[in-house]
Amino acid sequence: MKHSLRRQFSLIFIGLMALSCFICVLMCNLFLEKVYLERKMTLIKKGYDNLCEALDRDKYGTDEFNTNLNEYCSKHDLGICLIDSESSLEYIYSNGRGDMEIS
């Protein structure tokens, strides 16, 4: 049984497209979450370092510090809640979208 050249090329093309889609989905499922979490943890650590540096230099609470940290949170889609030693909410640095919930 002979198959036409057009049909063979079509089957090869469809097979290669299906294989490339499968490989893309597999790569995303295996590696994308790890990369995302690693990058987000790095951003959170940098935000924490900024807070510690501001506390060490007595810049915490200044307008410049608040502006810089709000811009950092907004740029990197982070939300930071600062809580004092008595477990009361002191300040919120938001991601700018207004979707941060406090319970």
PDB file of N, CA and C in Angstrom:
ATOM      1  N   MET A   1       0.842  -1.170   0.000  1.00  0.00           N
ATOM      2  CA  MET A   1       0.000   0.000   0.000  1.00  0.00           C
ATOM      3  C   MET A   1       0.888   1.234   0.000  1.00  0.00           C
ATOM      4  N   LYS A   2       0.748   2.022  -1.026  1.00  0.00           N
ATOM      5  CA  LYS A   2       1.566   3.220  -1.141  1.00  0.00           C
ATOM      6  C   LYS A   2       0.803   4.416  -0.572  1.00  0.00           C
ATOM      7  N   HIS A   3       1.575   5.260   0.101  1.00  0.00           N
ATOM      8  CA  HIS A   3       1.023   6.507   0.619  1.00  0.00           C
ATOM      9  C   HIS A   3       1.604   7.649  -0.207  1.00  0.00           C
ATOM     10  N   SER A   4       0.801   8.647  -0.404  1.00  0.00           N
ATOM     11  CA  SER A   4       1.282   9.765  -1.197  1.00  0.00           C
ATOM     12  C   SER A   4       2.321  10.555  -0.404  1.00  0.00           C
ATOM     13  N   LEU A   5       3.141  11.259  -1.128  1.00  0.00           N
ATOM     14  CA  LEU A   5       4.194  12.068  -0.522  1.00  0.00           C
ATOM     15  C   LEU A   5       3.579  13.171   0.340  1.00  0.00           C
ATOM     16  N   ARG A   6       2.484  13.738  -0.090  1.00  0.00           N
ATOM     17  CA  ARG A   6       1.807  14.796   0.665  1.00  0.00           C
ATOM     18  C   ARG A   6       1.325  14.259   2.011  1.00  0.00           C
ATOM     19  N   ARG A   7       0.785  13.064   2.026  1.00  0.00           N
ATOM     20  CA  ARG A   7       0.293  12.472   3.267  1.00  0.00           C
ATOM     21  C   ARG A   7       1.451  12.151   4.213  1.00  0.00           C
ATOM     22  N   GLN A   8       2.559  11.658   3.689  1.00  0.00           N
ATOM     23  CA  GLN A   8       3.719  11.364   4.517  1.00  0.00           C
ATOM     24  C   GLN A   8       4.272  12.637   5.161  1.00  0.00           C
ATOM     25  N   PHE A   9       4.403  13.704   4.375  1.00  0.00           N
ATOM     26  CA  PHE A   9       4.878  14.969   4.923  1.00  0.00           C
ATOM     27  C   PHE A   9       3.909  15.509   5.976  1.00  0.00           C
ATOM     28  N   SER A  10       2.636  15.377   5.734  1.00  0.00           N
ATOM     29  CA  SER A  10       1.640  15.852   6.701  1.00  0.00           C
ATOM     30  C   SER A  10       1.761  15.096   8.014  1.00  0.00           C
ATOM     31  N   LEU A  11       1.892  13.779   7.933  1.00  0.00           N
ATOM     32  CA  LEU A  11       2.020  12.978   9.156  1.00  0.00           C
ATOM     33  C   LEU A  11       3.313  13.308   9.900  1.00  0.00           C
ATOM     34  N   ILE A  12       4.399  13.468   9.180  1.00  0.00           N
ATOM     35  CA  ILE A  12       5.673  13.832   9.816  1.00  0.00           C
ATOM     36  C   ILE A  12       5.557  15.201  10.482  1.00  0.00           C
ATOM     37  N   PHE A  13       4.966  16.167   9.787  1.00  0.00           N
ATOM     38  CA  PHE A  13       4.807  17.507  10.336  1.00  0.00           C
ATOM     39  C   PHE A  13       3.926  17.496  11.580  1.00  0.00           C
ATOM     40  N   ILE A  14       2.804  16.790  11.521  1.00  0.00           N
ATOM     41  CA  ILE A  14       1.912  16.701  12.680  1.00  0.00           C
ATOM     42  C   ILE A  14       2.619  16.018  13.852  1.00  0.00           C
ATOM     43  N   GLY A  15       3.361  14.973  13.568  1.00  0.00           N
ATOM     44  CA  GLY A  15       4.100  14.277  14.620  1.00  0.00           C
ATOM     45  C   GLY A  15       5.153  15.161  15.270  1.00  0.00           C
ATOM     46  N   LEU A  16       5.890  15.911  14.468  1.00  0.00           N
ATOM     47  CA  LEU A  16       6.910  16.806  15.021  1.00  0.00           C
ATOM     48  C   LEU A  16       6.289  17.934  15.842  1.00  0.00           C
ATOM     49  N   MET A  17       5.173  18.463  15.378  1.00  0.00           N
ATOM     50  CA  MET A  17       4.491  19.519  16.134  1.00  0.00           C
ATOM     51  C   MET A  17       3.970  18.977  17.471  1.00  0.00           C
ATOM     52  N   ALA A  18       3.399  17.784  17.460  1.00  0.00           N
ATOM     53  CA  ALA A  18       2.903  17.179  18.700  1.00  0.00           C
ATOM     54  C   ALA A  18       4.064  16.911  19.655  1.00  0.00           C
ATOM     55  N   LEU A  19       5.173  16.421  19.132  1.00  0.00           N
ATOM     56  CA  LEU A  19       6.347  16.157  19.961  1.00  0.00           C
ATOM     57  C   LEU A  19       6.900  17.439  20.562  1.00  0.00           C
ATOM     58  N   SER A  20       6.985  18.511  19.772  1.00  0.00           N
ATOM     59  CA  SER A  20       7.513  19.769  20.306  1.00  0.00           C
ATOM     60  C   SER A  20       6.571  20.359  21.359  1.00  0.00           C
ATOM     61  N   CYS A  21       5.262  20.244  21.172  1.00  0.00           N
ATOM     62  CA  CYS A  21       4.311  20.712  22.186  1.00  0.00           C
ATOM     63  C   CYS A  21       4.456  19.897  23.471  1.00  0.00           C
ATOM     64  N   PHE A  22       4.600  18.594  23.339  1.00  0.00           N
ATOM     65  CA  PHE A  22       4.777  17.727  24.502  1.00  0.00           C
ATOM     66  C   PHE A  22       6.052  18.087  25.262  1.00  0.00           C
ATOM     67  N   ILE A  23       7.132  18.333  24.545  1.00  0.00           N
ATOM     68  CA  ILE A  23       8.403  18.696  25.188  1.00  0.00           C
ATOM     69  C   ILE A  23       8.279  20.040  25.904  1.00  0.00           C
ATOM     70  N   CYS A  24       7.602  21.000  25.298  1.00  0.00           N
ATOM     71  CA  CYS A  24       7.406  22.310  25.945  1.00  0.00           C
ATOM     72  C   CYS A  24       6.606  22.174  27.236  1.00  0.00           C
ATOM     73  N   VAL A  25       5.530  21.422  27.201  1.00  0.00           N
ATOM     74  CA  VAL A  25       4.715  21.226  28.397  1.00  0.00           C
ATOM     75  C   VAL A  25       5.514  20.494  29.473  1.00  0.00           C
ATOM     76  N   LEU A  26       6.264  19.502  29.090  1.00  0.00           N
ATOM     77  CA  LEU A  26       7.079  18.749  30.035  1.00  0.00           C
ATOM     78  C   LEU A  26       8.132  19.641  30.686  1.00  0.00           C
ATOM     79  N   MET A  27       8.812  20.454  29.907  1.00  0.00           N
ATOM     80  CA  MET A  27       9.848  21.345  30.440  1.00  0.00           C
ATOM     81  C   MET A  27       9.238  22.370  31.401  1.00  0.00           C
ATOM     82  N   CYS A  28       8.096  22.919  31.049  1.00  0.00           N
ATOM     83  CA  CYS A  28       7.444  23.892  31.925  1.00  0.00           C
ATOM     84  C   CYS A  28       7.040  23.257  33.245  1.00  0.00           C
ATOM     85  N   ASN A  29       6.479  22.069  33.188  1.00  0.00           N
ATOM     86  CA  ASN A  29       6.035  21.403  34.414  1.00  0.00           C
ATOM     87  C   ASN A  29       7.196  20.962  35.291  1.00  0.00           C
ATOM     88  N   LEU A  30       8.317  20.599  34.693  1.00  0.00           N
ATOM     89  CA  LEU A  30       9.441  20.113  35.479  1.00  0.00           C
ATOM     90  C   LEU A  30      10.297  21.232  36.062  1.00  0.00           C
ATOM     91  N   PHE A  31      10.504  22.316  35.321  1.00  0.00           N
ATOM     92  CA  PHE A  31      11.508  23.291  35.719  1.00  0.00           C
ATOM     93  C   PHE A  31      10.974  24.676  36.045  1.00  0.00           C
ATOM     94  N   LEU A  32       9.840  25.072  35.518  1.00  0.00           N
ATOM     95  CA  LEU A  32       9.389  26.444  35.668  1.00  0.00           C
ATOM     96  C   LEU A  32       9.070  26.800  37.117  1.00  0.00           C
ATOM     97  N   GLU A  33       8.470  25.893  37.854  1.00  0.00           N
ATOM     98  CA  GLU A  33       8.130  26.184  39.246  1.00  0.00           C
ATOM     99  C   GLU A  33       9.379  26.429  40.075  1.00  0.00           C
ATOM    100  N   LYS A  34      10.409  25.638  39.870  1.00  0.00           N
ATOM    101  CA  LYS A  34      11.655  25.805  40.623  1.00  0.00           C
ATOM    102  C   LYS A  34      12.294  27.156  40.334  1.00  0.00           C
ATOM    103  N   VAL A  35      12.307  27.541  39.075  1.00  0.00           N
ATOM    104  CA  VAL A  35      12.897  28.827  38.693  1.00  0.00           C
ATOM    105  C   VAL A  35      12.095  29.973  39.297  1.00  0.00           C
ATOM    106  N   TYR A  36      10.781  29.891  39.218  1.00  0.00           N
ATOM    107  CA  TYR A  36       9.929  30.942  39.777  1.00  0.00           C
ATOM    108  C   TYR A  36      10.147  31.075  41.281  1.00  0.00           C
ATOM    109  N   LEU A  37      10.145  29.972  41.996  1.00  0.00           N
ATOM    110  CA  LEU A  37      10.336  30.022  43.446  1.00  0.00           C
ATOM    111  C   LEU A  37      11.715  30.551  43.819  1.00  0.00           C
ATOM    112  N   GLU A  38      12.733  30.167  43.079  1.00  0.00           N
ATOM    113  CA  GLU A  38      14.083  30.643  43.367  1.00  0.00           C
ATOM    114  C   GLU A  38      14.172  32.156  43.174  1.00  0.00           C
ATOM    115  N   ARG A  39      13.593  32.656  42.099  1.00  0.00           N
ATOM    116  CA  ARG A  39      13.622  34.104  41.846  1.00  0.00           C
ATOM    117  C   ARG A  39      12.819  34.865  42.895  1.00  0.00           C
ATOM    118  N   LYS A  40      11.657  34.335  43.269  1.00  0.00           N
ATOM    119  CA  LYS A  40      10.821  35.009  44.257  1.00  0.00           C
ATOM    120  C   LYS A  40      11.507  35.024  45.625  1.00  0.00           C
ATOM    121  N   MET A  41      12.166  33.925  45.986  1.00  0.00           N
ATOM    122  CA  MET A  41      12.893  33.886  47.263  1.00  0.00           C
ATOM    123  C   MET A  41      14.042  34.882  47.269  1.00  0.00           C
ATOM    124  N   THR A  42      14.724  35.037  46.148  1.00  0.00           N
ATOM    125  CA  THR A  42      15.801  36.025  46.050  1.00  0.00           C
ATOM    126  C   THR A  42      15.249  37.426  46.249  1.00  0.00           C
ATOM    127  N   LEU A  43      14.112  37.728  45.639  1.00  0.00           N
ATOM    128  CA  LEU A  43      13.499  39.045  45.800  1.00  0.00           C
ATOM    129  C   LEU A  43      13.056  39.290  47.240  1.00  0.00           C
ATOM    130  N   ILE A  44      12.517  38.276  47.885  1.00  0.00           N
ATOM    131  CA  ILE A  44      12.090  38.409  49.278  1.00  0.00           C
ATOM    132  C   ILE A  44      13.297  38.644  50.177  1.00  0.00           C
ATOM    133  N   LYS A  45      14.389  37.934  49.934  1.00  0.00           N
ATOM    134  CA  LYS A  45      15.605  38.130  50.732  1.00  0.00           C
ATOM    135  C   LYS A  45      16.170  39.539  50.547  1.00  0.00           C
ATOM    136  N   LYS A  46      16.125  40.059  49.324  1.00  0.00           N
ATOM    137  CA  LYS A  46      16.601  41.429  49.090  1.00  0.00           C
ATOM    138  C   LYS A  46      15.722  42.439  49.816  1.00  0.00           C
ATOM    139  N   GLY A  47      14.415  42.212  49.814  1.00  0.00           N
ATOM    140  CA  GLY A  47      13.513  43.081  50.558  1.00  0.00           C
ATOM    141  C   GLY A  47      13.792  43.041  52.046  1.00  0.00           C
ATOM    142  N   TYR A  48      14.055  41.864  52.569  1.00  0.00           N
ATOM    143  CA  TYR A  48      14.409  41.713  53.978  1.00  0.00           C
ATOM    144  C   TYR A  48      15.719  42.427  54.284  1.00  0.00           C
ATOM    145  N   ASP A  49      16.698  42.289  53.402  1.00  0.00           N
ATOM    146  CA  ASP A  49      17.969  42.986  53.591  1.00  0.00           C
ATOM    147  C   ASP A  49      17.781  44.499  53.588  1.00  0.00           C
ATOM    148  N   ASN A  50      16.892  45.003  52.723  1.00  0.00           N
ATOM    149  CA  ASN A  50      16.588  46.441  52.714  1.00  0.00           C
ATOM    150  C   ASN A  50      15.994  46.884  54.044  1.00  0.00           C
ATOM    151  N   LEU A  51      15.103  46.081  54.601  1.00  0.00           N
ATOM    152  CA  LEU A  51      14.519  46.404  55.904  1.00  0.00           C
ATOM    153  C   LEU A  51      15.576  46.424  57.002  1.00  0.00           C
ATOM    154  N   CYS A  52      16.432  45.408  57.009  1.00  0.00           N
ATOM    155  CA  CYS A  52      17.486  45.331  58.027  1.00  0.00           C
ATOM    156  C   CYS A  52      18.458  46.501  57.902  1.00  0.00           C
ATOM    157  N   GLU A  53      18.804  46.856  56.679  1.00  0.00           N
ATOM    158  CA  GLU A  53      19.715  47.976  56.455  1.00  0.00           C
ATOM    159  C   GLU A  53      19.086  49.283  56.936  1.00  0.00           C
ATOM    160  N   ALA A  54      17.815  49.459  56.695  1.00  0.00           N
ATOM    161  CA  ALA A  54      17.129  50.671  57.146  1.00  0.00           C
ATOM    162  C   ALA A  54      17.068  50.731  58.667  1.00  0.00           C
ATOM    163  N   LEU A  55      16.857  49.589  59.301  1.00  0.00           N
ATOM    164  CA  LEU A  55      16.843  49.572  60.761  1.00  0.00           C
ATOM    165  C   LEU A  55      18.220  49.870  61.334  1.00  0.00           C
ATOM    166  N   ASP A  56      19.263  49.351  60.703  1.00  0.00           N
ATOM    167  CA  ASP A  56      20.627  49.599  61.173  1.00  0.00           C
ATOM    168  C   ASP A  56      21.021  51.065  61.031  1.00  0.00           C
ATOM    169  N   ARG A  57      20.548  51.716  59.991  1.00  0.00           N
ATOM    170  CA  ARG A  57      20.904  53.116  59.723  1.00  0.00           C
ATOM    171  C   ARG A  57      19.871  54.100  60.266  1.00  0.00           C
ATOM    172  N   ASP A  58      18.914  53.617  61.024  1.00  0.00           N
ATOM    173  CA  ASP A  58      17.844  54.448  61.588  1.00  0.00           C
ATOM    174  C   ASP A  58      17.085  55.227  60.516  1.00  0.00           C
ATOM    175  N   LYS A  59      16.889  54.607  59.377  1.00  0.00           N
ATOM    176  CA  LYS A  59      16.114  55.224  58.300  1.00  0.00           C
ATOM    177  C   LYS A  59      14.708  54.653  58.223  1.00  0.00           C
ATOM    178  N   TYR A  60      14.403  53.698  59.063  1.00  0.00           N
ATOM    179  CA  TYR A  60      13.086  53.076  59.029  1.00  0.00           C
ATOM    180  C   TYR A  60      12.026  54.104  59.407  1.00  0.00           C
ATOM    181  N   GLY A  61      10.958  54.138  58.632  1.00  0.00           N
ATOM    182  CA  GLY A  61       9.862  55.045  58.912  1.00  0.00           C
ATOM    183  C   GLY A  61       9.963  56.379  58.214  1.00  0.00           C
ATOM    184  N   THR A  62      11.083  56.671  57.580  1.00  0.00           N
ATOM    185  CA  THR A  62      11.206  57.939  56.856  1.00  0.00           C
ATOM    186  C   THR A  62      10.416  57.850  55.555  1.00  0.00           C
ATOM    187  N   ASP A  63      10.101  59.020  55.027  1.00  0.00           N
ATOM    188  CA  ASP A  63       9.339  59.050  53.773  1.00  0.00           C
ATOM    189  C   ASP A  63      10.123  58.410  52.632  1.00  0.00           C
ATOM    190  N   GLU A  64      11.421  58.643  52.596  1.00  0.00           N
ATOM    191  CA  GLU A  64      12.259  58.061  51.536  1.00  0.00           C
ATOM    192  C   GLU A  64      12.251  56.537  51.605  1.00  0.00           C
ATOM    193  N   PHE A  65      12.376  56.005  52.820  1.00  0.00           N
ATOM    194  CA  PHE A  65      12.365  54.553  52.997  1.00  0.00           C
ATOM    195  C   PHE A  65      11.018  53.964  52.588  1.00  0.00           C
ATOM    196  N   ASN A  66       9.925  54.594  53.033  1.00  0.00           N
ATOM    197  CA  ASN A  66       8.588  54.094  52.692  1.00  0.00           C
ATOM    198  C   ASN A  66       8.359  54.107  51.189  1.00  0.00           C
ATOM    199  N   THR A  67       8.787  55.183  50.539  1.00  0.00           N
ATOM    200  CA  THR A  67       8.630  55.285  49.090  1.00  0.00           C
ATOM    201  C   THR A  67       9.437  54.212  48.376  1.00  0.00           C
ATOM    202  N   ASN A  68      10.691  54.042  48.789  1.00  0.00           N
ATOM    203  CA  ASN A  68      11.556  53.052  48.142  1.00  0.00           C
ATOM    204  C   ASN A  68      11.027  51.635  48.323  1.00  0.00           C
ATOM    205  N   LEU A  69      10.570  51.304  49.510  1.00  0.00           N
ATOM    206  CA  LEU A  69      10.081  49.949  49.748  1.00  0.00           C
ATOM    207  C   LEU A  69       8.750  49.704  49.037  1.00  0.00           C
ATOM    208  N   ASN A  70       7.890  50.714  48.980  1.00  0.00           N
ATOM    209  CA  ASN A  70       6.644  50.564  48.223  1.00  0.00           C
ATOM    210  C   ASN A  70       6.923  50.364  46.742  1.00  0.00           C
ATOM    211  N   GLU A  71       7.891  51.107  46.201  1.00  0.00           N
ATOM    212  CA  GLU A  71       8.263  50.927  44.797  1.00  0.00           C
ATOM    213  C   GLU A  71       8.839  49.540  44.553  1.00  0.00           C
ATOM    214  N   TYR A  72       9.667  49.057  45.484  1.00  0.00           N
ATOM    215  CA  TYR A  72      10.261  47.718  45.363  1.00  0.00           C
ATOM    216  C   TYR A  72       9.157  46.657  45.360  1.00  0.00           C
ATOM    217  N   CYS A  73       8.211  46.785  46.286  1.00  0.00           N
ATOM    218  CA  CYS A  73       7.111  45.818  46.372  1.00  0.00           C
ATOM    219  C   CYS A  73       6.246  45.869  45.118  1.00  0.00           C
ATOM    220  N   SER A  74       5.991  47.051  44.641  1.00  0.00           N
ATOM    221  CA  SER A  74       5.159  47.191  43.450  1.00  0.00           C
ATOM    222  C   SER A  74       5.863  46.635  42.219  1.00  0.00           C
ATOM    223  N   LYS A  75       7.146  46.898  42.095  1.00  0.00           N
ATOM    224  CA  LYS A  75       7.919  46.440  40.931  1.00  0.00           C
ATOM    225  C   LYS A  75       8.017  44.920  40.875  1.00  0.00           C
ATOM    226  N   HIS A  76       8.186  44.296  42.034  1.00  0.00           N
ATOM    227  CA  HIS A  76       8.421  42.850  42.075  1.00  0.00           C
ATOM    228  C   HIS A  76       7.204  42.060  42.546  1.00  0.00           C
ATOM    229  N   ASP A  77       6.044  42.700  42.633  1.00  0.00           N
ATOM    230  CA  ASP A  77       4.798  42.040  43.010  1.00  0.00           C
ATOM    231  C   ASP A  77       4.909  41.341  44.367  1.00  0.00           C
ATOM    232  N   LEU A  78       5.356  42.107  45.363  1.00  0.00           N
ATOM    233  CA  LEU A  78       5.488  41.592  46.723  1.00  0.00           C
ATOM    234  C   LEU A  78       4.551  42.349  47.648  1.00  0.00           C
ATOM    235  N   GLY A  79       4.213  41.740  48.742  1.00  0.00           N
ATOM    236  CA  GLY A  79       3.474  42.400  49.801  1.00  0.00           C
ATOM    237  C   GLY A  79       4.165  42.120  51.115  1.00  0.00           C
ATOM    238  N   ILE A  80       4.437  43.161  51.897  1.00  0.00           N
ATOM    239  CA  ILE A  80       5.165  43.003  53.156  1.00  0.00           C
ATOM    240  C   ILE A  80       4.329  43.604  54.274  1.00  0.00           C
ATOM    241  N   CYS A  81       4.131  42.842  55.332  1.00  0.00           N
ATOM    242  CA  CYS A  81       3.474  43.329  56.545  1.00  0.00           C
ATOM    243  C   CYS A  81       4.507  43.344  57.657  1.00  0.00           C
ATOM    244  N   LEU A  82       4.641  44.475  58.314  1.00  0.00           N
ATOM    245  CA  LEU A  82       5.544  44.571  59.451  1.00  0.00           C
ATOM    246  C   LEU A  82       4.723  44.520  60.729  1.00  0.00           C
ATOM    247  N   ILE A  83       5.128  43.666  61.639  1.00  0.00           N
ATOM    248  CA  ILE A  83       4.404  43.472  62.890  1.00  0.00           C
ATOM    249  C   ILE A  83       5.372  43.744  64.028  1.00  0.00           C
ATOM    250  N   ASP A  84       4.954  44.534  65.006  1.00  0.00           N
ATOM    251  CA  ASP A  84       5.838  44.847  66.124  1.00  0.00           C
ATOM    252  C   ASP A  84       5.861  43.700  67.130  1.00  0.00           C
ATOM    253  N   SER A  85       6.608  43.889  68.212  1.00  0.00           N
ATOM    254  CA  SER A  85       6.805  42.815  69.188  1.00  0.00           C
ATOM    255  C   SER A  85       5.522  42.439  69.932  1.00  0.00           C
ATOM    256  N   GLU A  86       4.520  43.299  69.908  1.00  0.00           N
ATOM    257  CA  GLU A  86       3.251  43.012  70.581  1.00  0.00           C
ATOM    258  C   GLU A  86       2.224  42.419  69.625  1.00  0.00           C
ATOM    259  N   SER A  87       2.665  41.976  68.461  1.00  0.00           N
ATOM    260  CA  SER A  87       1.836  41.342  67.437  1.00  0.00           C
ATOM    261  C   SER A  87       0.747  42.257  66.886  1.00  0.00           C
ATOM    262  N   SER A  88       1.006  43.540  66.879  1.00  0.00           N
ATOM    263  CA  SER A  88       0.053  44.444  66.237  1.00  0.00           C
ATOM    264  C   SER A  88       0.665  44.929  64.923  1.00  0.00           C
ATOM    265  N   LEU A  89      -0.194  45.096  63.946  1.00  0.00           N
ATOM    266  CA  LEU A  89       0.243  45.480  62.614  1.00  0.00           C
ATOM    267  C   LEU A  89       0.794  46.892  62.649  1.00  0.00           C
ATOM    268  N   GLU A  90       2.014  47.032  62.140  1.00  0.00           N
ATOM    269  CA  GLU A  90       2.649  48.345  62.149  1.00  0.00           C
ATOM    270  C   GLU A  90       2.530  49.042  60.802  1.00  0.00           C
ATOM    271  N   TYR A  91       2.825  48.341  59.729  1.00  0.00           N
ATOM    272  CA  TYR A  91       2.791  48.974  58.413  1.00  0.00           C
ATOM    273  C   TYR A  91       2.670  47.902  57.341  1.00  0.00           C
ATOM    274  N   ILE A  92       2.050  48.266  56.218  1.00  0.00           N
ATOM    275  CA  ILE A  92       1.906  47.359  55.082  1.00  0.00           C
ATOM    276  C   ILE A  92       2.572  47.996  53.868  1.00  0.00           C
ATOM    277  N   TYR A  93       3.439  47.240  53.238  1.00  0.00           N
ATOM    278  CA  TYR A  93       4.010  47.637  51.959  1.00  0.00           C
ATOM    279  C   TYR A  93       3.365  46.739  50.920  1.00  0.00           C
ATOM    280  N   SER A  94       2.633  47.328  50.035  1.00  0.00           N
ATOM    281  CA  SER A  94       1.782  46.563  49.140  1.00  0.00           C
ATOM    282  C   SER A  94       2.404  46.433  47.761  1.00  0.00           C
ATOM    283  N   ASN A  95       1.855  45.493  46.998  1.00  0.00           N
ATOM    284  CA  ASN A  95       2.276  45.289  45.625  1.00  0.00           C
ATOM    285  C   ASN A  95       1.599  46.262  44.674  1.00  0.00           C
ATOM    286  N   GLY A  96       0.761  47.139  45.181  1.00  0.00           N
ATOM    287  CA  GLY A  96       0.148  48.163  44.353  1.00  0.00           C
ATOM    288  C   GLY A  96      -1.177  47.758  43.721  1.00  0.00           C
ATOM    289  N   ARG A  97      -1.557  46.490  43.831  1.00  0.00           N
ATOM    290  CA  ARG A  97      -2.802  46.033  43.215  1.00  0.00           C
ATOM    291  C   ARG A  97      -3.962  46.059  44.176  1.00  0.00           C
ATOM    292  N   GLY A  98      -3.672  46.209  45.465  1.00  0.00           N
ATOM    293  CA  GLY A  98      -4.743  46.271  46.448  1.00  0.00           C
ATOM    294  C   GLY A  98      -5.348  44.930  46.791  1.00  0.00           C
ATOM    295  N   ASP A  99      -4.660  43.832  46.496  1.00  0.00           N
ATOM    296  CA  ASP A  99      -5.225  42.515  46.765  1.00  0.00           C
ATOM    297  C   ASP A  99      -4.623  41.860  48.005  1.00  0.00           C
ATOM    298  N   MET A 100      -3.948  42.624  48.829  1.00  0.00           N
ATOM    299  CA  MET A 100      -3.336  42.076  50.025  1.00  0.00           C
ATOM    300  C   MET A 100      -4.375  42.034  51.144  1.00  0.00           C
ATOM    301  N   GLU A 101      -4.582  40.867  51.726  1.00  0.00           N
ATOM    302  CA  GLU A 101      -5.586  40.686  52.762  1.00  0.00           C
ATOM    303  C   GLU A 101      -4.915  40.567  54.120  1.00  0.00           C
ATOM    304  N   ILE A 102      -5.545  41.135  55.118  1.00  0.00           N
ATOM    305  CA  ILE A 102      -5.045  41.053  56.485  1.00  0.00           C
ATOM    306  C   ILE A 102      -6.092  40.323  57.310  1.00  0.00           C
ATOM    307  N   SER A 103      -5.645  39.285  57.995  1.00  0.00           N
ATOM    308  CA  SER A 103      -6.601  38.553  58.826  1.00  0.00           C
ATOM    309  C   SER A 103      -6.209  38.660  60.286  1.00  0.00           C
TER     310      SER A 103
END
